[in-house]
Amino acid sequence: MILGRRASGYPGKGLAGRPGRNRRVRVDRELCSGCGDCLAACVYGIIRMDSRGRVSIGRSCRGCGRCADACPEGALTVHGR
């Protein structure tokens, strides 16, 4: 659990300065190239990539959007408030 670090543009809502649980990041597998930039950008270590290069976002995603900002293909989008 990381409470001290925050991504740029982090909304800071909810418990302990986190956004509400209804914010989620979704992956468009058609656009994803498997570059791994999102893995490096996620300060929480929630994002995983399988052996085929498919990205999955864990259920404990905090919705900060840093991974979506780092994605050069625009395959990650933040949904919710």
PDB file of N, CA and C in Angstrom:
ATOM      1  N   MET A   1       0.843  -1.175   0.000  1.00  0.00           N
ATOM      2  CA  MET A   1       0.000   0.000   0.000  1.00  0.00           C
ATOM      3  C   MET A   1       0.889   1.239   0.000  1.00  0.00           C
ATOM      4  N   ILE A   2       0.698   2.069  -0.990  1.00  0.00           N
ATOM      5  CA  ILE A   2       1.487   3.286  -1.110  1.00  0.00           C
ATOM      6  C   ILE A   2       0.556   4.472  -0.907  1.00  0.00           C
ATOM      7  N   LEU A   3       0.780   5.229   0.143  1.00  0.00           N
ATOM      8  CA  LEU A   3      -0.071   6.381   0.412  1.00  0.00           C
ATOM      9  C   LEU A   3       0.619   7.704   0.125  1.00  0.00           C
ATOM     10  N   GLY A   4       1.935   7.715   0.123  1.00  0.00           N
ATOM     11  CA  GLY A   4       2.658   8.960  -0.016  1.00  0.00           C
ATOM     12  C   GLY A   4       2.835   9.442  -1.443  1.00  0.00           C
ATOM     13  N   ARG A   5       2.859   8.530  -2.420  1.00  0.00           N
ATOM     14  CA  ARG A   5       3.090   8.927  -3.804  1.00  0.00           C
ATOM     15  C   ARG A   5       1.772   9.054  -4.545  1.00  0.00           C
ATOM     16  N   ARG A   6       1.697  10.070  -5.401  1.00  0.00           N
ATOM     17  CA  ARG A   6       0.488  10.289  -6.179  1.00  0.00           C
ATOM     18  C   ARG A   6       0.853  10.585  -7.616  1.00  0.00           C
ATOM     19  N   ALA A   7       0.070  10.080  -8.531  1.00  0.00           N
ATOM     20  CA  ALA A   7       0.288  10.347  -9.954  1.00  0.00           C
ATOM     21  C   ALA A   7      -0.134  11.772 -10.278  1.00  0.00           C
ATOM     22  N   SER A   8       0.465  12.343 -11.317  1.00  0.00           N
ATOM     23  CA  SER A   8       0.046  13.671 -11.727  1.00  0.00           C
ATOM     24  C   SER A   8      -1.397  13.602 -12.207  1.00  0.00           C
ATOM     25  N   GLY A   9      -2.178  14.586 -11.866  1.00  0.00           N
ATOM     26  CA  GLY A   9      -3.580  14.597 -12.230  1.00  0.00           C
ATOM     27  C   GLY A   9      -4.444  13.729 -11.339  1.00  0.00           C
ATOM     28  N   TYR A  10      -3.865  13.205 -10.263  1.00  0.00           N
ATOM     29  CA  TYR A  10      -4.586  12.326  -9.343  1.00  0.00           C
ATOM     30  C   TYR A  10      -5.686  13.119  -8.660  1.00  0.00           C
ATOM     31  N   PRO A  11      -6.939  12.653  -8.740  1.00  0.00           N
ATOM     32  CA  PRO A  11      -8.044  13.456  -8.230  1.00  0.00           C
ATOM     33  C   PRO A  11      -8.097  13.602  -6.714  1.00  0.00           C
ATOM     34  N   GLY A  12      -7.507  12.679  -5.967  1.00  0.00           N
ATOM     35  CA  GLY A  12      -7.438  12.819  -4.519  1.00  0.00           C
ATOM     36  C   GLY A  12      -8.762  12.774  -3.804  1.00  0.00           C
ATOM     37  N   LYS A  13      -9.698  11.960  -4.271  1.00  0.00           N
ATOM     38  CA  LYS A  13     -10.994  11.840  -3.615  1.00  0.00           C
ATOM     39  C   LYS A  13     -11.076  10.485  -2.934  1.00  0.00           C
ATOM     40  N   GLY A  14     -11.986  10.339  -2.009  1.00  0.00           N
ATOM     41  CA  GLY A  14     -12.199   9.050  -1.360  1.00  0.00           C
ATOM     42  C   GLY A  14     -11.349   8.900  -0.113  1.00  0.00           C
ATOM     43  N   LEU A  15     -11.299   7.688   0.417  1.00  0.00           N
ATOM     44  CA  LEU A  15     -10.546   7.400   1.633  1.00  0.00           C
ATOM     45  C   LEU A  15      -9.052   7.508   1.403  1.00  0.00           C
ATOM     46  N   ALA A  16      -8.356   8.034   2.376  1.00  0.00           N
ATOM     47  CA  ALA A  16      -6.891   8.132   2.357  1.00  0.00           C
ATOM     48  C   ALA A  16      -6.359   8.824   1.110  1.00  0.00           C
ATOM     49  N   GLY A  17      -7.105   9.785   0.561  1.00  0.00           N
ATOM     50  CA  GLY A  17      -6.625  10.544  -0.586  1.00  0.00           C
ATOM     51  C   GLY A  17      -6.700   9.804  -1.897  1.00  0.00           C
ATOM     52  N   ARG A  18      -7.415   8.707  -1.963  1.00  0.00           N
ATOM     53  CA  ARG A  18      -7.551   7.944  -3.198  1.00  0.00           C
ATOM     54  C   ARG A  18      -8.862   8.315  -3.876  1.00  0.00           C
ATOM     55  N   PRO A  19      -8.936   8.130  -5.213  1.00  0.00           N
ATOM     56  CA  PRO A  19     -10.209   8.376  -5.875  1.00  0.00           C
ATOM     57  C   PRO A  19     -11.219   7.319  -5.451  1.00  0.00           C
ATOM     58  N   GLY A  20     -12.500   7.609  -5.655  1.00  0.00           N
ATOM     59  CA  GLY A  20     -13.542   6.653  -5.325  1.00  0.00           C
ATOM     60  C   GLY A  20     -13.360   5.347  -6.087  1.00  0.00           C
ATOM     61  N   ARG A  21     -13.904   4.258  -5.559  1.00  0.00           N
ATOM     62  CA  ARG A  21     -13.740   2.935  -6.149  1.00  0.00           C
ATOM     63  C   ARG A  21     -14.414   2.776  -7.499  1.00  0.00           C
ATOM     64  N   ASN A  22     -15.246   3.717  -7.898  1.00  0.00           N
ATOM     65  CA  ASN A  22     -15.932   3.560  -9.166  1.00  0.00           C
ATOM     66  C   ASN A  22     -15.082   3.992 -10.356  1.00  0.00           C
ATOM     67  N   ARG A  23     -13.896   4.512 -10.130  1.00  0.00           N
ATOM     68  CA  ARG A  23     -12.981   4.853 -11.233  1.00  0.00           C
ATOM     69  C   ARG A  23     -12.206   3.607 -11.613  1.00  0.00           C
ATOM     70  N   ARG A  24     -12.237   3.263 -12.888  1.00  0.00           N
ATOM     71  CA  ARG A  24     -11.552   2.083 -13.389  1.00  0.00           C
ATOM     72  C   ARG A  24     -10.861   2.399 -14.708  1.00  0.00           C
ATOM     73  N   VAL A  25      -9.793   1.688 -14.954  1.00  0.00           N
ATOM     74  CA  VAL A  25      -9.087   1.794 -16.226  1.00  0.00           C
ATOM     75  C   VAL A  25      -9.461   0.581 -17.062  1.00  0.00           C
ATOM     76  N   ARG A  26      -9.789   0.831 -18.310  1.00  0.00           N
ATOM     77  CA  ARG A  26     -10.138  -0.252 -19.233  1.00  0.00           C
ATOM     78  C   ARG A  26      -9.120  -0.312 -20.353  1.00  0.00           C
ATOM     79  N   VAL A  27      -8.861  -1.546 -20.810  1.00  0.00           N
ATOM     80  CA  VAL A  27      -7.891  -1.789 -21.876  1.00  0.00           C
ATOM     81  C   VAL A  27      -8.629  -2.123 -23.161  1.00  0.00           C
ATOM     82  N   ASP A  28      -8.306  -1.417 -24.230  1.00  0.00           N
ATOM     83  CA  ASP A  28      -8.812  -1.757 -25.554  1.00  0.00           C
ATOM     84  C   ASP A  28      -7.763  -2.663 -26.191  1.00  0.00           C
ATOM     85  N   ARG A  29      -8.028  -3.947 -26.206  1.00  0.00           N
ATOM     86  CA  ARG A  29      -7.053  -4.932 -26.689  1.00  0.00           C
ATOM     87  C   ARG A  29      -6.743  -4.781 -28.175  1.00  0.00           C
ATOM     88  N   GLU A  30      -7.642  -4.162 -28.919  1.00  0.00           N
ATOM     89  CA  GLU A  30      -7.405  -3.913 -30.349  1.00  0.00           C
ATOM     90  C   GLU A  30      -6.293  -2.879 -30.542  1.00  0.00           C
ATOM     91  N   LEU A  31      -6.230  -1.902 -29.640  1.00  0.00           N
ATOM     92  CA  LEU A  31      -5.231  -0.833 -29.754  1.00  0.00           C
ATOM     93  C   LEU A  31      -3.918  -1.153 -29.049  1.00  0.00           C
ATOM     94  N   CYS A  32      -3.959  -2.022 -28.048  1.00  0.00           N
ATOM     95  CA  CYS A  32      -2.779  -2.311 -27.230  1.00  0.00           C
ATOM     96  C   CYS A  32      -1.709  -3.024 -28.049  1.00  0.00           C
ATOM     97  N   SER A  33      -0.484  -2.478 -28.010  1.00  0.00           N
ATOM     98  CA  SER A  33       0.641  -3.074 -28.739  1.00  0.00           C
ATOM     99  C   SER A  33       1.514  -3.937 -27.833  1.00  0.00           C
ATOM    100  N   GLY A  34       1.237  -3.937 -26.529  1.00  0.00           N
ATOM    101  CA  GLY A  34       2.030  -4.730 -25.590  1.00  0.00           C
ATOM    102  C   GLY A  34       3.390  -4.134 -25.286  1.00  0.00           C
ATOM    103  N   CYS A  35       3.517  -2.810 -25.382  1.00  0.00           N
ATOM    104  CA  CYS A  35       4.814  -2.155 -25.183  1.00  0.00           C
ATOM    105  C   CYS A  35       5.268  -2.166 -23.722  1.00  0.00           C
ATOM    106  N   GLY A  36       4.329  -2.180 -22.771  1.00  0.00           N
ATOM    107  CA  GLY A  36       4.673  -2.222 -21.358  1.00  0.00           C
ATOM    108  C   GLY A  36       4.863  -0.874 -20.686  1.00  0.00           C
ATOM    109  N   ASP A  37       4.616   0.217 -21.397  1.00  0.00           N
ATOM    110  CA  ASP A  37       4.756   1.545 -20.791  1.00  0.00           C
ATOM    111  C   ASP A  37       3.807   1.722 -19.607  1.00  0.00           C
ATOM    112  N   CYS A  38       2.629   1.117 -19.688  1.00  0.00           N
ATOM    113  CA  CYS A  38       1.649   1.241 -18.605  1.00  0.00           C
ATOM    114  C   CYS A  38       2.136   0.539 -17.336  1.00  0.00           C
ATOM    115  N   LEU A  39       2.833  -0.588 -17.486  1.00  0.00           N
ATOM    116  CA  LEU A  39       3.370  -1.306 -16.331  1.00  0.00           C
ATOM    117  C   LEU A  39       4.372  -0.441 -15.584  1.00  0.00           C
ATOM    118  N   ALA A  40       5.216   0.227 -16.339  1.00  0.00           N
ATOM    119  CA  ALA A  40       6.228   1.092 -15.734  1.00  0.00           C
ATOM    120  C   ALA A  40       5.598   2.315 -15.075  1.00  0.00           C
ATOM    121  N   ALA A  41       4.486   2.792 -15.614  1.00  0.00           N
ATOM    122  CA  ALA A  41       3.846   4.003 -15.099  1.00  0.00           C
ATOM    123  C   ALA A  41       3.017   3.751 -13.843  1.00  0.00           C
ATOM    124  N   CYS A  42       2.542   2.528 -13.638  1.00  0.00           N
ATOM    125  CA  CYS A  42       1.665   2.236 -12.505  1.00  0.00           C
ATOM    126  C   CYS A  42       2.474   2.190 -11.210  1.00  0.00           C
ATOM    127  N   VAL A  43       2.240   3.177 -10.338  1.00  0.00           N
ATOM    128  CA  VAL A  43       2.983   3.248  -9.074  1.00  0.00           C
ATOM    129  C   VAL A  43       2.490   2.211  -8.072  1.00  0.00           C
ATOM    130  N   TYR A  44       1.336   1.597  -8.343  1.00  0.00           N
ATOM    131  CA  TYR A  44       0.764   0.609  -7.428  1.00  0.00           C
ATOM    132  C   TYR A  44       1.082  -0.831  -7.825  1.00  0.00           C
ATOM    133  N   GLY A  45       1.621  -1.054  -9.012  1.00  0.00           N
ATOM    134  CA  GLY A  45       1.956  -2.405  -9.461  1.00  0.00           C
ATOM    135  C   GLY A  45       0.736  -3.273  -9.729  1.00  0.00           C
ATOM    136  N   ILE A  46      -0.354  -2.678 -10.146  1.00  0.00           N
ATOM    137  CA  ILE A  46      -1.627  -3.373 -10.356  1.00  0.00           C
ATOM    138  C   ILE A  46      -1.694  -4.012 -11.743  1.00  0.00           C
ATOM    139  N   ILE A  47      -0.972  -3.467 -12.708  1.00  0.00           N
ATOM    140  CA  ILE A  47      -1.076  -3.919 -14.093  1.00  0.00           C
ATOM    141  C   ILE A  47      -0.159  -5.116 -14.331  1.00  0.00           C
ATOM    142  N   ARG A  48      -0.691  -6.088 -15.041  1.00  0.00           N
ATOM    143  CA  ARG A  48       0.066  -7.307 -15.377  1.00  0.00           C
ATOM    144  C   ARG A  48       0.023  -7.525 -16.883  1.00  0.00           C
ATOM    145  N   MET A  49       1.046  -8.215 -17.389  1.00  0.00           N
ATOM    146  CA  MET A  49       1.078  -8.589 -18.794  1.00  0.00           C
ATOM    147  C   MET A  49       1.370 -10.074 -18.881  1.00  0.00           C
ATOM    148  N   ASP A  50       0.573 -10.789 -19.667  1.00  0.00           N
ATOM    149  CA  ASP A  50       0.798 -12.230 -19.798  1.00  0.00           C
ATOM    150  C   ASP A  50       1.868 -12.510 -20.863  1.00  0.00           C
ATOM    151  N   SER A  51       2.150 -13.774 -21.091  1.00  0.00           N
ATOM    152  CA  SER A  51       3.212 -14.166 -22.016  1.00  0.00           C
ATOM    153  C   SER A  51       2.901 -13.798 -23.468  1.00  0.00           C
ATOM    154  N   ARG A  52       1.646 -13.546 -23.761  1.00  0.00           N
ATOM    155  CA  ARG A  52       1.250 -13.135 -25.114  1.00  0.00           C
ATOM    156  C   ARG A  52       1.245 -11.623 -25.299  1.00  0.00           C
ATOM    157  N   GLY A  53       1.597 -10.884 -24.254  1.00  0.00           N
ATOM    158  CA  GLY A  53       1.634  -9.429 -24.324  1.00  0.00           C
ATOM    159  C   GLY A  53       0.296  -8.769 -24.063  1.00  0.00           C
ATOM    160  N   ARG A  54      -0.661  -9.508 -23.522  1.00  0.00           N
ATOM    161  CA  ARG A  54      -1.970  -8.939 -23.199  1.00  0.00           C
ATOM    162  C   ARG A  54      -1.940  -8.319 -21.808  1.00  0.00           C
ATOM    163  N   VAL A  55      -2.401  -7.100 -21.726  1.00  0.00           N
ATOM    164  CA  VAL A  55      -2.404  -6.346 -20.470  1.00  0.00           C
ATOM    165  C   VAL A  55      -3.717  -6.580 -19.733  1.00  0.00           C
ATOM    166  N   SER A  56      -3.615  -6.728 -18.415  1.00  0.00           N
ATOM    167  CA  SER A  56      -4.820  -6.807 -17.581  1.00  0.00           C
ATOM    168  C   SER A  56      -4.641  -5.884 -16.379  1.00  0.00           C
ATOM    169  N   ILE A  57      -5.738  -5.250 -16.004  1.00  0.00           N
ATOM    170  CA  ILE A  57      -5.754  -4.326 -14.883  1.00  0.00           C
ATOM    171  C   ILE A  57      -6.381  -5.047 -13.695  1.00  0.00           C
ATOM    172  N   GLY A  58      -5.677  -5.085 -12.565  1.00  0.00           N
ATOM    173  CA  GLY A  58      -6.177  -5.765 -11.371  1.00  0.00           C
ATOM    174  C   GLY A  58      -7.404  -5.096 -10.777  1.00  0.00           C
ATOM    175  N   ARG A  59      -8.155  -5.852 -10.003  1.00  0.00           N
ATOM    176  CA  ARG A  59      -9.384  -5.357  -9.388  1.00  0.00           C
ATOM    177  C   ARG A  59      -9.126  -4.240  -8.379  1.00  0.00           C
ATOM    178  N   SER A  60      -7.921  -4.164  -7.855  1.00  0.00           N
ATOM    179  CA  SER A  60      -7.623  -3.130  -6.865  1.00  0.00           C
ATOM    180  C   SER A  60      -7.088  -1.841  -7.499  1.00  0.00           C
ATOM    181  N   CYS A  61      -7.311  -1.685  -8.799  1.00  0.00           N
ATOM    182  CA  CYS A  61      -6.908  -0.459  -9.498  1.00  0.00           C
ATOM    183  C   CYS A  61      -7.541   0.744  -8.803  1.00  0.00           C
ATOM    184  N   ARG A  62      -6.748   1.783  -8.573  1.00  0.00           N
ATOM    185  CA  ARG A  62      -7.222   2.971  -7.878  1.00  0.00           C
ATOM    186  C   ARG A  62      -7.719   4.057  -8.827  1.00  0.00           C
ATOM    187  N   GLY A  63      -7.560   3.839 -10.115  1.00  0.00           N
ATOM    188  CA  GLY A  63      -8.113   4.764 -11.100  1.00  0.00           C
ATOM    189  C   GLY A  63      -7.406   6.096 -11.219  1.00  0.00           C
ATOM    190  N   CYS A  64      -6.114   6.146 -10.905  1.00  0.00           N
ATOM    191  CA  CYS A  64      -5.402   7.431 -10.960  1.00  0.00           C
ATOM    192  C   CYS A  64      -5.186   7.906 -12.396  1.00  0.00           C
ATOM    193  N   GLY A  65      -5.103   6.980 -13.370  1.00  0.00           N
ATOM    194  CA  GLY A  65      -4.965   7.353 -14.772  1.00  0.00           C
ATOM    195  C   GLY A  65      -3.552   7.537 -15.268  1.00  0.00           C
ATOM    196  N   ARG A  66      -2.582   7.311 -14.432  1.00  0.00           N
ATOM    197  CA  ARG A  66      -1.186   7.494 -14.856  1.00  0.00           C
ATOM    198  C   ARG A  66      -0.827   6.547 -16.001  1.00  0.00           C
ATOM    199  N   CYS A  67      -1.353   5.319 -15.965  1.00  0.00           N
ATOM    200  CA  CYS A  67      -1.079   4.348 -17.028  1.00  0.00           C
ATOM    201  C   CYS A  67      -1.675   4.811 -18.354  1.00  0.00           C
ATOM    202  N   ALA A  68      -2.879   5.376 -18.295  1.00  0.00           N
ATOM    203  CA  ALA A  68      -3.533   5.867 -19.509  1.00  0.00           C
ATOM    204  C   ALA A  68      -2.741   7.025 -20.122  1.00  0.00           C
ATOM    205  N   ASP A  69      -2.181   7.874 -19.279  1.00  0.00           N
ATOM    206  CA  ASP A  69      -1.352   8.974 -19.772  1.00  0.00           C
ATOM    207  C   ASP A  69      -0.076   8.466 -20.432  1.00  0.00           C
ATOM    208  N   ALA A  70       0.457   7.349 -19.941  1.00  0.00           N
ATOM    209  CA  ALA A  70       1.715   6.813 -20.461  1.00  0.00           C
ATOM    210  C   ALA A  70       1.543   5.997 -21.732  1.00  0.00           C
ATOM    211  N   CYS A  71       0.328   5.566 -22.040  1.00  0.00           N
ATOM    212  CA  CYS A  71       0.097   4.673 -23.174  1.00  0.00           C
ATOM    213  C   CYS A  71       0.213   5.431 -24.509  1.00  0.00           C
ATOM    214  N   PRO A  72       1.205   5.052 -25.343  1.00  0.00           N
ATOM    215  CA  PRO A  72       1.374   5.750 -26.613  1.00  0.00           C
ATOM    216  C   PRO A  72       0.295   5.416 -27.639  1.00  0.00           C
ATOM    217  N   GLU A  73      -0.393   4.300 -27.460  1.00  0.00           N
ATOM    218  CA  GLU A  73      -1.421   3.864 -28.404  1.00  0.00           C
ATOM    219  C   GLU A  73      -2.819   4.370 -28.028  1.00  0.00           C
ATOM    220  N   GLY A  74      -2.983   4.878 -26.799  1.00  0.00           N
ATOM    221  CA  GLY A  74      -4.299   5.313 -26.349  1.00  0.00           C
ATOM    222  C   GLY A  74      -5.219   4.145 -26.058  1.00  0.00           C
ATOM    223  N   ALA A  75      -4.636   2.996 -25.686  1.00  0.00           N
ATOM    224  CA  ALA A  75      -5.414   1.785 -25.446  1.00  0.00           C
ATOM    225  C   ALA A  75      -6.037   1.738 -24.063  1.00  0.00           C
ATOM    226  N   LEU A  76      -5.589   2.594 -23.151  1.00  0.00           N
ATOM    227  CA  LEU A  76      -6.114   2.618 -21.783  1.00  0.00           C
ATOM    228  C   LEU A  76      -6.942   3.878 -21.569  1.00  0.00           C
ATOM    229  N   THR A  77      -8.129   3.697 -21.017  1.00  0.00           N
ATOM    230  CA  THR A  77      -8.991   4.834 -20.720  1.00  0.00           C
ATOM    231  C   THR A  77      -9.541   4.701 -19.306  1.00  0.00           C
ATOM    232  N   VAL A  78      -9.726   5.838 -18.642  1.00  0.00           N
ATOM    233  CA  VAL A  78     -10.278   5.868 -17.289  1.00  0.00           C
ATOM    234  C   VAL A  78     -11.766   6.135 -17.396  1.00  0.00           C
ATOM    235  N   HIS A  79     -12.555   5.293 -16.714  1.00  0.00           N
ATOM    236  CA  HIS A  79     -14.004   5.429 -16.706  1.00  0.00           C
ATOM    237  C   HIS A  79     -14.494   5.643 -15.282  1.00  0.00           C
ATOM    238  N   GLY A  80     -15.563   6.378 -15.142  1.00  0.00           N
ATOM    239  CA  GLY A  80     -16.126   6.629 -13.813  1.00  0.00           C
ATOM    240  C   GLY A  80     -15.715   7.990 -13.310  1.00  0.00           C
ATOM    241  N   ARG A  81     -16.171   8.278 -12.116  1.00  0.00           N
ATOM    242  CA  ARG A  81     -15.845   9.569 -11.505  1.00  0.00           C
ATOM    243  C   ARG A  81     -15.023   9.381 -10.265  1.00  0.00           C
TER     244      ARG A  81
END
